[in-house]
Amino acid sequence: MSQCVQKLFNKEREKLFEQEFKDRQIKMKAYIKEYPKSGNVKYFKKMLKNMTLKKMKKKRIDDYRKTMCNPTCKSTLFESGDADKLPASFIKELKKISKSKDALDYQLGLRKEIFGKKNTVLKNGFYEKLDKETVTNLKKKGATSGCYRGGLSAYDLIRPLL
């Protein structure tokens, strides 16, 4: 594990993550009990079966590495290059998650929206439109990059940091 990731995912945040993991499991089990005929029940049951603390921790660490310990934003939507083309390394990563052409098209649309006519949207390793306070907080916590746009998914990712 890199020094950056170690700073970000320290013992305190690891404990917070473990509690968050337990809370998520409890909420899913409660949902399954409360709405047994819902279409989401199969999904939640499968997720509960496959979701282990070790797997989720590995995913969180990988998320930190990609978004906050990756100054060139390699293998992310924010990697420098032509706005009309997704980086090959990003496509490879995306295909691990979804083989859908719609997913690729959606990500390409996001990239075009983010980049506009530019070839890069990074300023010192951080997305140029991240607010100054967020960048300062992330740097204080040990982050070397900010490869995300903000919003709910980014908030979920960095919530223990802020």
N, C-alpha and C. Protein backbone atom coordinates (compact mmCIF):
# COMPACT_ATOMS: atom_id res chain seq x y z
N MET A 1 0.85 -1.18 0.00
CA MET A 1 0.00 0.00 0.00
C MET A 1 0.90 1.24 0.00
N SER A 2 0.60 2.19 -0.87
CA SER A 2 1.41 3.39 -0.97
C SER A 2 1.29 4.25 0.29
N GLN A 3 2.25 5.13 0.46
CA GLN A 3 2.26 6.02 1.62
C GLN A 3 1.02 6.92 1.61
N CYS A 4 0.64 7.38 0.45
CA CYS A 4 -0.56 8.23 0.32
C CYS A 4 -1.80 7.48 0.83
N VAL A 5 -1.99 6.25 0.36
CA VAL A 5 -3.16 5.46 0.76
C VAL A 5 -3.10 5.17 2.26
N GLN A 6 -1.92 4.90 2.78
CA GLN A 6 -1.79 4.64 4.22
C GLN A 6 -2.22 5.84 5.04
N LYS A 7 -1.86 7.05 4.60
CA LYS A 7 -2.28 8.26 5.31
C LYS A 7 -3.80 8.41 5.27
N LEU A 8 -4.37 8.16 4.08
CA LEU A 8 -5.81 8.34 3.91
C LEU A 8 -6.63 7.26 4.61
N PHE A 9 -6.14 6.04 4.57
CA PHE A 9 -6.89 4.92 5.15
C PHE A 9 -6.18 4.47 6.42
N ASN A 10 -6.10 5.37 7.38
CA ASN A 10 -5.42 5.08 8.64
C ASN A 10 -6.34 4.26 9.56
N LYS A 11 -5.87 3.95 10.74
CA LYS A 11 -6.63 3.08 11.67
C LYS A 11 -7.99 3.68 12.04
N GLU A 12 -8.03 5.00 12.23
CA GLU A 12 -9.29 5.67 12.59
C GLU A 12 -10.33 5.51 11.47
N ARG A 13 -9.90 5.76 10.23
CA ARG A 13 -10.82 5.63 9.10
C ARG A 13 -11.17 4.17 8.84
N GLU A 14 -10.25 3.28 9.14
CA GLU A 14 -10.53 1.85 8.98
C GLU A 14 -11.65 1.43 9.93
N LYS A 15 -11.61 1.92 11.16
CA LYS A 15 -12.68 1.61 12.12
C LYS A 15 -14.01 2.20 11.65
N LEU A 16 -13.99 3.44 11.15
CA LEU A 16 -15.20 4.06 10.61
C LEU A 16 -15.75 3.24 9.45
N PHE A 17 -14.85 2.78 8.59
CA PHE A 17 -15.27 1.98 7.44
C PHE A 17 -15.91 0.67 7.90
N GLU A 18 -15.31 0.01 8.89
CA GLU A 18 -15.86 -1.25 9.39
C GLU A 18 -17.26 -1.04 9.96
N GLN A 19 -17.47 0.06 10.69
CA GLN A 19 -18.79 0.36 11.23
C GLN A 19 -19.78 0.65 10.11
N GLU A 20 -19.33 1.39 9.12
CA GLU A 20 -20.17 1.71 7.97
C GLU A 20 -20.57 0.41 7.24
N PHE A 21 -19.64 -0.52 7.12
CA PHE A 21 -19.90 -1.82 6.49
C PHE A 21 -20.98 -2.58 7.26
N LYS A 22 -20.84 -2.62 8.57
CA LYS A 22 -21.83 -3.32 9.41
C LYS A 22 -23.20 -2.66 9.30
N ASP A 23 -23.22 -1.33 9.33
CA ASP A 23 -24.48 -0.59 9.20
C ASP A 23 -25.16 -0.88 7.87
N ARG A 24 -24.37 -0.94 6.80
CA ARG A 24 -24.91 -1.23 5.47
C ARG A 24 -25.55 -2.61 5.44
N GLN A 25 -24.90 -3.59 6.06
CA GLN A 25 -25.46 -4.94 6.10
C GLN A 25 -26.78 -4.97 6.88
N ILE A 26 -26.81 -4.27 8.00
CA ILE A 26 -28.03 -4.21 8.82
C ILE A 26 -29.17 -3.59 8.03
N LYS A 27 -28.88 -2.49 7.31
CA LYS A 27 -29.92 -1.82 6.52
C LYS A 27 -30.44 -2.71 5.40
N MET A 28 -29.55 -3.45 4.75
CA MET A 28 -29.99 -4.35 3.68
C MET A 28 -30.87 -5.47 4.23
N LYS A 29 -30.48 -6.03 5.36
CA LYS A 29 -31.28 -7.10 5.97
C LYS A 29 -32.64 -6.57 6.39
N ALA A 30 -32.68 -5.36 6.93
CA ALA A 30 -33.95 -4.75 7.33
C ALA A 30 -34.83 -4.50 6.11
N TYR A 31 -34.23 -4.04 5.03
CA TYR A 31 -34.98 -3.80 3.80
C TYR A 31 -35.60 -5.10 3.29
N ILE A 32 -34.81 -6.17 3.30
CA ILE A 32 -35.29 -7.48 2.83
C ILE A 32 -36.48 -7.94 3.66
N LYS A 33 -36.40 -7.74 4.98
CA LYS A 33 -37.51 -8.12 5.87
C LYS A 33 -38.75 -7.26 5.62
N GLU A 34 -38.55 -5.97 5.46
CA GLU A 34 -39.66 -5.03 5.33
C GLU A 34 -40.35 -5.10 3.97
N TYR A 35 -39.58 -5.35 2.93
CA TYR A 35 -40.14 -5.38 1.58
C TYR A 35 -39.81 -6.71 0.87
N PRO A 36 -40.33 -7.81 1.36
CA PRO A 36 -39.96 -9.12 0.80
C PRO A 36 -40.38 -9.32 -0.66
N LYS A 37 -41.35 -8.57 -1.15
CA LYS A 37 -41.81 -8.76 -2.52
C LYS A 37 -41.21 -7.73 -3.49
N SER A 38 -40.33 -6.89 -2.99
CA SER A 38 -39.70 -5.88 -3.83
C SER A 38 -38.77 -6.53 -4.85
N GLY A 39 -38.62 -5.89 -5.99
CA GLY A 39 -37.71 -6.38 -7.03
C GLY A 39 -36.25 -6.30 -6.63
N ASN A 40 -35.95 -5.48 -5.62
CA ASN A 40 -34.56 -5.32 -5.19
C ASN A 40 -34.09 -6.42 -4.24
N VAL A 41 -34.99 -7.23 -3.74
CA VAL A 41 -34.64 -8.23 -2.74
C VAL A 41 -33.58 -9.21 -3.26
N LYS A 42 -33.76 -9.69 -4.49
CA LYS A 42 -32.77 -10.62 -5.07
C LYS A 42 -31.39 -9.97 -5.13
N TYR A 43 -31.39 -8.72 -5.57
CA TYR A 43 -30.13 -7.97 -5.68
C TYR A 43 -29.46 -7.84 -4.31
N PHE A 44 -30.24 -7.44 -3.30
CA PHE A 44 -29.68 -7.27 -1.97
C PHE A 44 -29.20 -8.60 -1.37
N LYS A 45 -29.96 -9.66 -1.59
CA LYS A 45 -29.54 -10.97 -1.07
C LYS A 45 -28.22 -11.41 -1.71
N LYS A 46 -28.11 -11.22 -3.01
CA LYS A 46 -26.87 -11.58 -3.71
C LYS A 46 -25.72 -10.70 -3.20
N MET A 47 -25.99 -9.43 -3.03
CA MET A 47 -24.97 -8.51 -2.55
C MET A 47 -24.50 -8.89 -1.14
N LEU A 48 -25.46 -9.21 -0.26
CA LEU A 48 -25.11 -9.62 1.09
C LEU A 48 -24.26 -10.88 1.09
N LYS A 49 -24.60 -11.81 0.22
CA LYS A 49 -23.86 -13.07 0.15
C LYS A 49 -22.42 -12.84 -0.31
N ASN A 50 -22.24 -11.97 -1.28
CA ASN A 50 -20.91 -11.73 -1.86
C ASN A 50 -20.10 -10.65 -1.15
N MET A 51 -20.77 -9.86 -0.33
CA MET A 51 -20.11 -8.72 0.31
C MET A 51 -19.37 -9.15 1.58
N THR A 52 -18.06 -9.07 1.52
CA THR A 52 -17.26 -9.36 2.71
C THR A 52 -16.49 -8.12 3.08
N LEU A 53 -16.13 -8.01 4.33
CA LEU A 53 -15.38 -6.86 4.80
C LEU A 53 -14.06 -6.74 4.03
N LYS A 54 -13.41 -7.86 3.83
CA LYS A 54 -12.13 -7.86 3.14
C LYS A 54 -12.25 -7.34 1.71
N LYS A 55 -13.27 -7.79 0.97
CA LYS A 55 -13.49 -7.34 -0.41
C LYS A 55 -13.81 -5.85 -0.45
N MET A 56 -14.69 -5.43 0.47
CA MET A 56 -15.10 -4.03 0.48
C MET A 56 -13.94 -3.12 0.88
N LYS A 57 -13.12 -3.56 1.80
CA LYS A 57 -11.95 -2.77 2.21
C LYS A 57 -10.98 -2.64 1.04
N LYS A 58 -10.77 -3.74 0.32
CA LYS A 58 -9.89 -3.72 -0.85
C LYS A 58 -10.42 -2.74 -1.89
N LYS A 59 -11.74 -2.75 -2.10
CA LYS A 59 -12.34 -1.83 -3.06
C LYS A 59 -12.17 -0.38 -2.61
N ARG A 60 -12.39 -0.10 -1.33
CA ARG A 60 -12.23 1.26 -0.82
C ARG A 60 -10.79 1.73 -0.99
N ILE A 61 -9.84 0.88 -0.68
CA ILE A 61 -8.43 1.24 -0.83
C ILE A 61 -8.11 1.52 -2.29
N ASP A 62 -8.65 0.69 -3.18
CA ASP A 62 -8.44 0.89 -4.61
C ASP A 62 -9.07 2.21 -5.06
N ASP A 63 -10.25 2.54 -4.54
CA ASP A 63 -10.90 3.81 -4.85
C ASP A 63 -10.04 4.98 -4.39
N TYR A 64 -9.49 4.90 -3.19
CA TYR A 64 -8.61 5.95 -2.69
C TYR A 64 -7.39 6.10 -3.59
N ARG A 65 -6.81 4.96 -3.97
CA ARG A 65 -5.62 4.98 -4.82
C ARG A 65 -5.91 5.67 -6.14
N LYS A 66 -7.04 5.33 -6.76
CA LYS A 66 -7.37 5.89 -8.07
C LYS A 66 -7.75 7.36 -8.01
N THR A 67 -8.47 7.76 -6.98
CA THR A 67 -8.99 9.13 -6.95
C THR A 67 -8.14 10.12 -6.16
N MET A 68 -7.46 9.66 -5.13
CA MET A 68 -6.75 10.61 -4.26
C MET A 68 -5.25 10.38 -4.14
N CYS A 69 -4.74 9.35 -4.82
CA CYS A 69 -3.30 9.06 -4.79
C CYS A 69 -2.80 8.79 -6.20
N ASN A 70 -3.25 9.59 -7.14
CA ASN A 70 -3.00 9.34 -8.55
C ASN A 70 -2.86 10.69 -9.26
N PRO A 71 -1.71 11.38 -9.09
CA PRO A 71 -1.55 12.75 -9.59
C PRO A 71 -1.85 12.96 -11.07
N THR A 72 -1.69 11.93 -11.91
CA THR A 72 -2.00 12.10 -13.33
C THR A 72 -3.40 11.57 -13.66
N CYS A 73 -4.10 11.06 -12.66
CA CYS A 73 -5.45 10.50 -12.83
C CYS A 73 -5.48 9.39 -13.87
N LYS A 74 -4.40 8.62 -13.94
CA LYS A 74 -4.30 7.48 -14.88
C LYS A 74 -5.43 6.50 -14.62
N SER A 75 -5.99 5.96 -15.68
CA SER A 75 -7.08 4.97 -15.65
C SER A 75 -8.38 5.54 -15.07
N THR A 76 -8.55 6.85 -15.16
CA THR A 76 -9.80 7.47 -14.73
C THR A 76 -10.35 8.33 -15.87
N LEU A 77 -11.54 8.81 -15.70
CA LEU A 77 -12.18 9.69 -16.67
C LEU A 77 -11.40 10.99 -16.85
N PHE A 78 -10.60 11.36 -15.85
CA PHE A 78 -9.90 12.65 -15.83
C PHE A 78 -8.49 12.59 -16.42
N GLU A 79 -8.08 11.42 -16.90
CA GLU A 79 -6.76 11.29 -17.51
C GLU A 79 -6.67 12.23 -18.70
N SER A 80 -5.56 12.94 -18.83
CA SER A 80 -5.39 13.90 -19.92
C SER A 80 -5.44 13.21 -21.27
N GLY A 81 -5.92 13.95 -22.26
CA GLY A 81 -6.02 13.42 -23.62
C GLY A 81 -7.21 14.01 -24.34
N ASP A 82 -7.49 13.46 -25.50
CA ASP A 82 -8.60 13.91 -26.35
C ASP A 82 -9.93 13.73 -25.62
N ALA A 83 -10.72 14.79 -25.59
CA ALA A 83 -12.01 14.75 -24.90
C ALA A 83 -13.00 13.82 -25.60
N ASP A 84 -12.78 13.55 -26.86
CA ASP A 84 -13.70 12.71 -27.64
C ASP A 84 -13.36 11.22 -27.57
N LYS A 85 -12.34 10.87 -26.80
CA LYS A 85 -11.95 9.46 -26.67
C LYS A 85 -11.70 9.13 -25.19
N LEU A 86 -12.23 7.99 -24.77
CA LEU A 86 -11.94 7.52 -23.42
C LEU A 86 -10.54 6.92 -23.40
N PRO A 87 -9.77 7.14 -22.33
CA PRO A 87 -8.45 6.52 -22.23
C PRO A 87 -8.58 4.99 -22.25
N ALA A 88 -7.67 4.33 -22.95
CA ALA A 88 -7.72 2.86 -23.08
C ALA A 88 -7.68 2.18 -21.71
N SER A 89 -6.87 2.70 -20.80
CA SER A 89 -6.77 2.09 -19.47
C SER A 89 -8.08 2.25 -18.70
N PHE A 90 -8.80 3.34 -18.93
CA PHE A 90 -10.10 3.55 -18.29
C PHE A 90 -11.14 2.59 -18.86
N ILE A 91 -11.12 2.40 -20.17
CA ILE A 91 -12.05 1.45 -20.80
C ILE A 91 -11.82 0.05 -20.25
N LYS A 92 -10.56 -0.32 -20.10
CA LYS A 92 -10.23 -1.64 -19.55
C LYS A 92 -10.80 -1.80 -18.13
N GLU A 93 -10.65 -0.78 -17.31
CA GLU A 93 -11.19 -0.81 -15.94
C GLU A 93 -12.71 -0.86 -15.95
N LEU A 94 -13.32 -0.08 -16.82
CA LEU A 94 -14.79 -0.02 -16.91
C LEU A 94 -15.37 -1.36 -17.35
N LYS A 95 -14.69 -2.03 -18.25
CA LYS A 95 -15.18 -3.32 -18.74
C LYS A 95 -15.16 -4.40 -17.67
N LYS A 96 -14.36 -4.21 -16.64
CA LYS A 96 -14.38 -5.14 -15.50
C LYS A 96 -15.70 -5.04 -14.75
N ILE A 97 -16.29 -3.86 -14.79
CA ILE A 97 -17.53 -3.58 -14.07
C ILE A 97 -18.75 -3.84 -14.95
N SER A 98 -18.69 -3.34 -16.19
CA SER A 98 -19.85 -3.43 -17.08
C SER A 98 -19.38 -3.60 -18.52
N LYS A 99 -19.95 -4.55 -19.20
CA LYS A 99 -19.61 -4.77 -20.60
C LYS A 99 -20.59 -4.03 -21.52
N SER A 100 -21.50 -3.29 -20.95
CA SER A 100 -22.54 -2.58 -21.69
C SER A 100 -21.97 -1.43 -22.51
N LYS A 101 -22.40 -1.33 -23.76
CA LYS A 101 -22.01 -0.20 -24.61
C LYS A 101 -22.60 1.09 -24.07
N ASP A 102 -23.77 0.99 -23.44
CA ASP A 102 -24.40 2.17 -22.84
C ASP A 102 -23.51 2.78 -21.77
N ALA A 103 -22.85 1.94 -20.98
CA ALA A 103 -21.96 2.44 -19.93
C ALA A 103 -20.80 3.21 -20.55
N LEU A 104 -20.24 2.68 -21.63
CA LEU A 104 -19.14 3.37 -22.32
C LEU A 104 -19.62 4.70 -22.90
N ASP A 105 -20.79 4.68 -23.52
CA ASP A 105 -21.35 5.90 -24.12
C ASP A 105 -21.62 6.95 -23.04
N TYR A 106 -22.16 6.50 -21.91
CA TYR A 106 -22.45 7.42 -20.81
C TYR A 106 -21.14 8.07 -20.32
N GLN A 107 -20.10 7.26 -20.12
CA GLN A 107 -18.82 7.79 -19.63
C GLN A 107 -18.19 8.74 -20.65
N LEU A 108 -18.32 8.41 -21.93
CA LEU A 108 -17.79 9.30 -22.96
C LEU A 108 -18.53 10.64 -22.94
N GLY A 109 -19.85 10.59 -22.75
CA GLY A 109 -20.62 11.83 -22.64
C GLY A 109 -20.17 12.67 -21.45
N LEU A 110 -19.92 12.00 -20.32
CA LEU A 110 -19.41 12.71 -19.14
C LEU A 110 -18.06 13.35 -19.43
N ARG A 111 -17.20 12.58 -20.07
CA ARG A 111 -15.86 13.09 -20.39
C ARG A 111 -15.96 14.34 -21.27
N LYS A 112 -16.81 14.29 -22.29
CA LYS A 112 -16.98 15.45 -23.17
C LYS A 112 -17.51 16.65 -22.39
N GLU A 113 -18.44 16.39 -21.49
CA GLU A 113 -19.01 17.46 -20.66
C GLU A 113 -17.94 18.06 -19.75
N ILE A 114 -17.12 17.23 -19.16
CA ILE A 114 -16.08 17.69 -18.23
C ILE A 114 -14.96 18.42 -18.96
N PHE A 115 -14.50 17.86 -20.07
CA PHE A 115 -13.34 18.42 -20.78
C PHE A 115 -13.69 19.57 -21.71
N GLY A 116 -14.88 19.56 -22.29
CA GLY A 116 -15.20 20.58 -23.28
C GLY A 116 -14.23 20.49 -24.44
N LYS A 117 -13.50 21.54 -24.72
CA LYS A 117 -12.53 21.55 -25.81
C LYS A 117 -11.09 21.41 -25.31
N LYS A 118 -10.93 21.16 -24.02
CA LYS A 118 -9.59 21.06 -23.42
C LYS A 118 -9.03 19.65 -23.55
N ASN A 119 -7.73 19.53 -23.35
CA ASN A 119 -7.07 18.22 -23.32
C ASN A 119 -6.76 17.78 -21.90
N THR A 120 -6.84 18.70 -20.96
CA THR A 120 -6.63 18.35 -19.56
C THR A 120 -7.53 19.20 -18.67
N VAL A 121 -7.96 18.62 -17.56
CA VAL A 121 -8.79 19.36 -16.61
C VAL A 121 -8.17 19.30 -15.22
N LEU A 122 -6.89 18.95 -15.18
CA LEU A 122 -6.20 18.84 -13.90
C LEU A 122 -5.34 20.07 -13.64
N LYS A 123 -5.32 20.45 -12.38
CA LYS A 123 -4.46 21.55 -11.94
C LYS A 123 -3.73 21.02 -10.71
N ASN A 124 -2.46 20.76 -10.85
CA ASN A 124 -1.65 20.18 -9.77
C ASN A 124 -2.21 18.85 -9.28
N GLY A 125 -2.75 18.05 -10.20
CA GLY A 125 -3.25 16.72 -9.85
C GLY A 125 -4.70 16.69 -9.37
N PHE A 126 -5.33 17.83 -9.23
CA PHE A 126 -6.71 17.91 -8.76
C PHE A 126 -7.60 18.45 -9.88
N TYR A 127 -8.82 17.93 -9.97
CA TYR A 127 -9.77 18.43 -10.97
C TYR A 127 -9.93 19.93 -10.74
N GLU A 128 -9.78 20.70 -11.80
CA GLU A 128 -9.73 22.16 -11.69
C GLU A 128 -10.99 22.79 -11.11
N LYS A 129 -12.12 22.11 -11.18
CA LYS A 129 -13.37 22.70 -10.67
C LYS A 129 -13.71 22.26 -9.25
N LEU A 130 -12.83 21.48 -8.61
CA LEU A 130 -13.06 21.17 -7.19
C LEU A 130 -12.84 22.45 -6.41
N ASP A 131 -13.70 22.71 -5.43
CA ASP A 131 -13.55 23.96 -4.68
C ASP A 131 -12.28 23.92 -3.84
N LYS A 132 -11.77 25.10 -3.57
CA LYS A 132 -10.49 25.27 -2.89
C LYS A 132 -10.48 24.61 -1.50
N GLU A 133 -11.58 24.71 -0.80
CA GLU A 133 -11.69 24.13 0.55
C GLU A 133 -11.54 22.61 0.50
N THR A 134 -12.18 21.97 -0.47
CA THR A 134 -12.08 20.51 -0.61
C THR A 134 -10.65 20.11 -0.92
N VAL A 135 -10.00 20.82 -1.84
CA VAL A 135 -8.62 20.52 -2.21
C VAL A 135 -7.71 20.67 -0.99
N THR A 136 -7.89 21.74 -0.24
CA THR A 136 -7.07 21.98 0.95
C THR A 136 -7.27 20.87 1.98
N ASN A 137 -8.54 20.49 2.22
CA ASN A 137 -8.82 19.39 3.16
C ASN A 137 -8.19 18.09 2.73
N LEU A 138 -8.31 17.77 1.46
CA LEU A 138 -7.74 16.53 0.95
C LEU A 138 -6.22 16.52 1.09
N LYS A 139 -5.59 17.64 0.77
CA LYS A 139 -4.13 17.73 0.89
C LYS A 139 -3.70 17.57 2.35
N LYS A 140 -4.44 18.18 3.28
CA LYS A 140 -4.12 18.04 4.71
C LYS A 140 -4.17 16.59 5.15
N LYS A 141 -5.11 15.84 4.57
CA LYS A 141 -5.27 14.43 4.95
C LYS A 141 -4.28 13.52 4.24
N GLY A 142 -3.51 14.07 3.29
CA GLY A 142 -2.48 13.28 2.62
C GLY A 142 -2.75 12.96 1.17
N ALA A 143 -3.83 13.45 0.60
CA ALA A 143 -4.14 13.17 -0.80
C ALA A 143 -3.16 13.88 -1.72
N THR A 144 -2.81 13.23 -2.81
CA THR A 144 -1.93 13.83 -3.81
C THR A 144 -2.69 14.17 -5.09
N SER A 145 -3.99 13.80 -5.13
CA SER A 145 -4.80 14.11 -6.31
C SER A 145 -6.27 14.17 -5.93
N GLY A 146 -7.05 14.69 -6.87
CA GLY A 146 -8.50 14.73 -6.73
C GLY A 146 -9.11 14.40 -8.08
N CYS A 147 -9.18 13.12 -8.38
CA CYS A 147 -9.65 12.67 -9.69
C CYS A 147 -11.14 12.35 -9.64
N TYR A 148 -11.94 13.30 -9.30
CA TYR A 148 -13.38 13.14 -9.31
C TYR A 148 -14.02 14.51 -9.41
N ARG A 149 -15.27 14.51 -9.79
CA ARG A 149 -15.97 15.76 -10.06
C ARG A 149 -16.72 16.30 -8.86
N GLY A 150 -16.99 15.47 -7.91
CA GLY A 150 -17.81 15.87 -6.78
C GLY A 150 -19.16 15.19 -6.91
N GLY A 151 -20.06 15.47 -6.01
CA GLY A 151 -21.37 14.85 -6.05
C GLY A 151 -21.46 13.70 -5.07
N LEU A 152 -22.54 12.96 -5.14
CA LEU A 152 -22.83 11.92 -4.16
C LEU A 152 -21.76 10.85 -4.09
N SER A 153 -21.34 10.30 -5.23
CA SER A 153 -20.38 9.21 -5.18
C SER A 153 -19.05 9.68 -4.61
N ALA A 154 -18.63 10.88 -4.98
CA ALA A 154 -17.40 11.40 -4.43
C ALA A 154 -17.55 11.67 -2.94
N TYR A 155 -18.72 12.18 -2.53
CA TYR A 155 -18.96 12.43 -1.12
C TYR A 155 -18.88 11.12 -0.33
N ASP A 156 -19.50 10.09 -0.85
CA ASP A 156 -19.44 8.79 -0.18
C ASP A 156 -18.01 8.30 -0.05
N LEU A 157 -17.24 8.56 -1.09
CA LEU A 157 -15.86 8.10 -1.11
C LEU A 157 -15.01 8.81 -0.07
N ILE A 158 -15.18 10.12 0.07
CA ILE A 158 -14.28 10.89 0.95
C ILE A 158 -14.91 11.30 2.26
N ARG A 159 -16.15 10.89 2.51
CA ARG A 159 -16.84 11.31 3.73
C ARG A 159 -15.98 11.15 4.98
N PRO A 160 -15.29 10.02 5.18
CA PRO A 160 -14.47 9.90 6.39
C PRO A 160 -13.32 10.89 6.42
N LEU A 161 -12.97 11.49 5.27
CA LEU A 161 -11.84 12.41 5.24
C LEU A 161 -12.20 13.82 5.65
N LEU A 162 -13.40 14.24 5.33
CA LEU A 162 -13.76 15.65 5.55
C LEU A 162 -14.33 15.90 6.93
